[in-house]
Amino acid sequence: MLDVALLAAAHEDLAPLIAPPVVIAATFGLFFLFLGFVVWSYRDVANRSPRKASTQAHHDGPIDEFGHPEQH
């Protein structure tokens, strides 16, 4: 019984791919680099926010992890 299963597995055809594996890997690599560029391009958007700049301009003291001035 095991011999029949091994023979069937040995002659099983693999599913065809759209492109060679190298092309698929390069496509996903380029897409990953594109997403990295998008993330990099938004790196300072929060710092340019006028709402954030106006709230931090009034407080010269320490600020907690939530962006509020520490009240001691």
C-alpha atoms as a PDB file:
ATOM      1  CA  MET A   1       0.000   0.000   0.000  1.00  0.00           C
ATOM      2  CA  LEU A   2       2.826   2.373   0.852  1.00  0.00           C
ATOM      3  CA  ASP A   3       4.530   1.647  -2.469  1.00  0.00           C
ATOM      4  CA  VAL A   4       1.435   2.747  -4.390  1.00  0.00           C
ATOM      5  CA  ALA A   5       1.270   6.025  -2.468  1.00  0.00           C
ATOM      6  CA  LEU A   6       4.973   6.709  -3.081  1.00  0.00           C
ATOM      7  CA  LEU A   7       4.600   5.997  -6.798  1.00  0.00           C
ATOM      8  CA  ALA A   8       1.582   8.285  -7.028  1.00  0.00           C
ATOM      9  CA  ALA A   9       3.422  11.070  -5.217  1.00  0.00           C
ATOM     10  CA  ALA A  10       6.491  10.659  -7.420  1.00  0.00           C
ATOM     11  CA  HIS A  11       4.477  11.127 -10.613  1.00  0.00           C
ATOM     12  CA  GLU A  12       2.300  13.983  -9.366  1.00  0.00           C
ATOM     13  CA  ASP A  13       2.578  17.140 -11.477  1.00  0.00           C
ATOM     14  CA  LEU A  14       3.153  20.462  -9.764  1.00  0.00           C
ATOM     15  CA  ALA A  15       0.742  23.330 -10.280  1.00  0.00           C
ATOM     16  CA  PRO A  16       1.962  25.754 -12.966  1.00  0.00           C
ATOM     17  CA  LEU A  17       3.088  29.217 -11.876  1.00  0.00           C
ATOM     18  CA  ILE A  18       2.237  32.499 -13.590  1.00  0.00           C
ATOM     19  CA  ALA A  19       5.919  33.415 -13.774  1.00  0.00           C
ATOM     20  CA  PRO A  20       9.244  31.943 -12.674  1.00  0.00           C
ATOM     21  CA  PRO A  21       9.844  32.124  -8.915  1.00  0.00           C
ATOM     22  CA  VAL A  22      12.580  34.747  -9.366  1.00  0.00           C
ATOM     23  CA  VAL A  23      10.133  37.098 -11.116  1.00  0.00           C
ATOM     24  CA  ILE A  24       7.501  36.604  -8.409  1.00  0.00           C
ATOM     25  CA  ALA A  25      10.081  37.305  -5.684  1.00  0.00           C
ATOM     26  CA  ALA A  26      11.306  40.435  -7.493  1.00  0.00           C
ATOM     27  CA  THR A  27       7.730  41.689  -7.900  1.00  0.00           C
ATOM     28  CA  PHE A  28       6.978  41.301  -4.198  1.00  0.00           C
ATOM     29  CA  GLY A  29      10.352  42.855  -3.331  1.00  0.00           C
ATOM     30  CA  LEU A  30       9.589  45.921  -5.439  1.00  0.00           C
ATOM     31  CA  PHE A  31       6.120  46.176  -3.895  1.00  0.00           C
ATOM     32  CA  PHE A  32       7.680  45.991  -0.414  1.00  0.00           C
ATOM     33  CA  LEU A  33      10.124  48.775  -1.325  1.00  0.00           C
ATOM     34  CA  PHE A  34       7.233  50.863  -2.647  1.00  0.00           C
ATOM     35  CA  LEU A  35       5.343  50.463   0.640  1.00  0.00           C
ATOM     36  CA  GLY A  36       8.513  51.383   2.524  1.00  0.00           C
ATOM     37  CA  PHE A  37       8.776  54.571   0.459  1.00  0.00           C
ATOM     38  CA  VAL A  38       5.145  55.445   1.259  1.00  0.00           C
ATOM     39  CA  VAL A  39       5.775  54.995   4.988  1.00  0.00           C
ATOM     40  CA  TRP A  40       9.009  57.000   4.759  1.00  0.00           C
ATOM     41  CA  SER A  41       7.265  59.855   2.926  1.00  0.00           C
ATOM     42  CA  TYR A  42       4.765  60.292   5.802  1.00  0.00           C
ATOM     43  CA  ARG A  43       7.449  60.321   8.517  1.00  0.00           C
ATOM     44  CA  ASP A  44       6.915  63.925   9.637  1.00  0.00           C
ATOM     45  CA  VAL A  45       3.236  64.538   8.853  1.00  0.00           C
ATOM     46  CA  ALA A  46       2.263  64.493  12.541  1.00  0.00           C
ATOM     47  CA  ASN A  47       4.954  67.046  13.385  1.00  0.00           C
ATOM     48  CA  ARG A  48       3.598  69.459  10.778  1.00  0.00           C
ATOM     49  CA  SER A  49       0.057  69.310  12.149  1.00  0.00           C
ATOM     50  CA  PRO A  50      -1.075  72.841  13.123  1.00  0.00           C
ATOM     51  CA  ARG A  51      -3.236  71.460  15.952  1.00  0.00           C
ATOM     52  CA  LYS A  52      -0.285  69.699  17.546  1.00  0.00           C
ATOM     53  CA  ALA A  53       2.008  72.678  17.080  1.00  0.00           C
ATOM     54  CA  SER A  54      -0.470  75.080  18.707  1.00  0.00           C
ATOM     55  CA  THR A  55      -1.080  72.833  21.735  1.00  0.00           C
ATOM     56  CA  GLN A  56       2.613  72.301  22.383  1.00  0.00           C
ATOM     57  CA  ALA A  57       3.500  75.960  21.935  1.00  0.00           C
ATOM     58  CA  HIS A  58       1.713  76.922  25.186  1.00  0.00           C
ATOM     59  CA  HIS A  59       3.393  74.309  27.351  1.00  0.00           C
ATOM     60  CA  ASP A  60       7.083  74.556  28.021  1.00  0.00           C
ATOM     61  CA  GLY A  61       7.093  71.874  30.735  1.00  0.00           C
ATOM     62  CA  PRO A  62       7.334  68.118  30.449  1.00  0.00           C
ATOM     63  CA  ILE A  63       4.733  66.217  28.449  1.00  0.00           C
ATOM     64  CA  ASP A  64       3.537  62.700  29.314  1.00  0.00           C
ATOM     65  CA  GLU A  65       3.268  59.776  26.895  1.00  0.00           C
ATOM     66  CA  PHE A  66      -0.243  60.848  25.836  1.00  0.00           C
ATOM     67  CA  GLY A  67       0.816  64.361  24.766  1.00  0.00           C
ATOM     68  CA  HIS A  68      -0.627  66.130  27.811  1.00  0.00           C
ATOM     69  CA  PRO A  69       1.379  68.431  30.098  1.00  0.00           C
ATOM     70  CA  GLU A  70       2.383  66.750  33.326  1.00  0.00           C
ATOM     71  CA  GLN A  71       0.603  68.219  36.350  1.00  0.00           C
ATOM     72  CA  HIS A  72       2.760  67.777  39.474  1.00  0.00           C
END
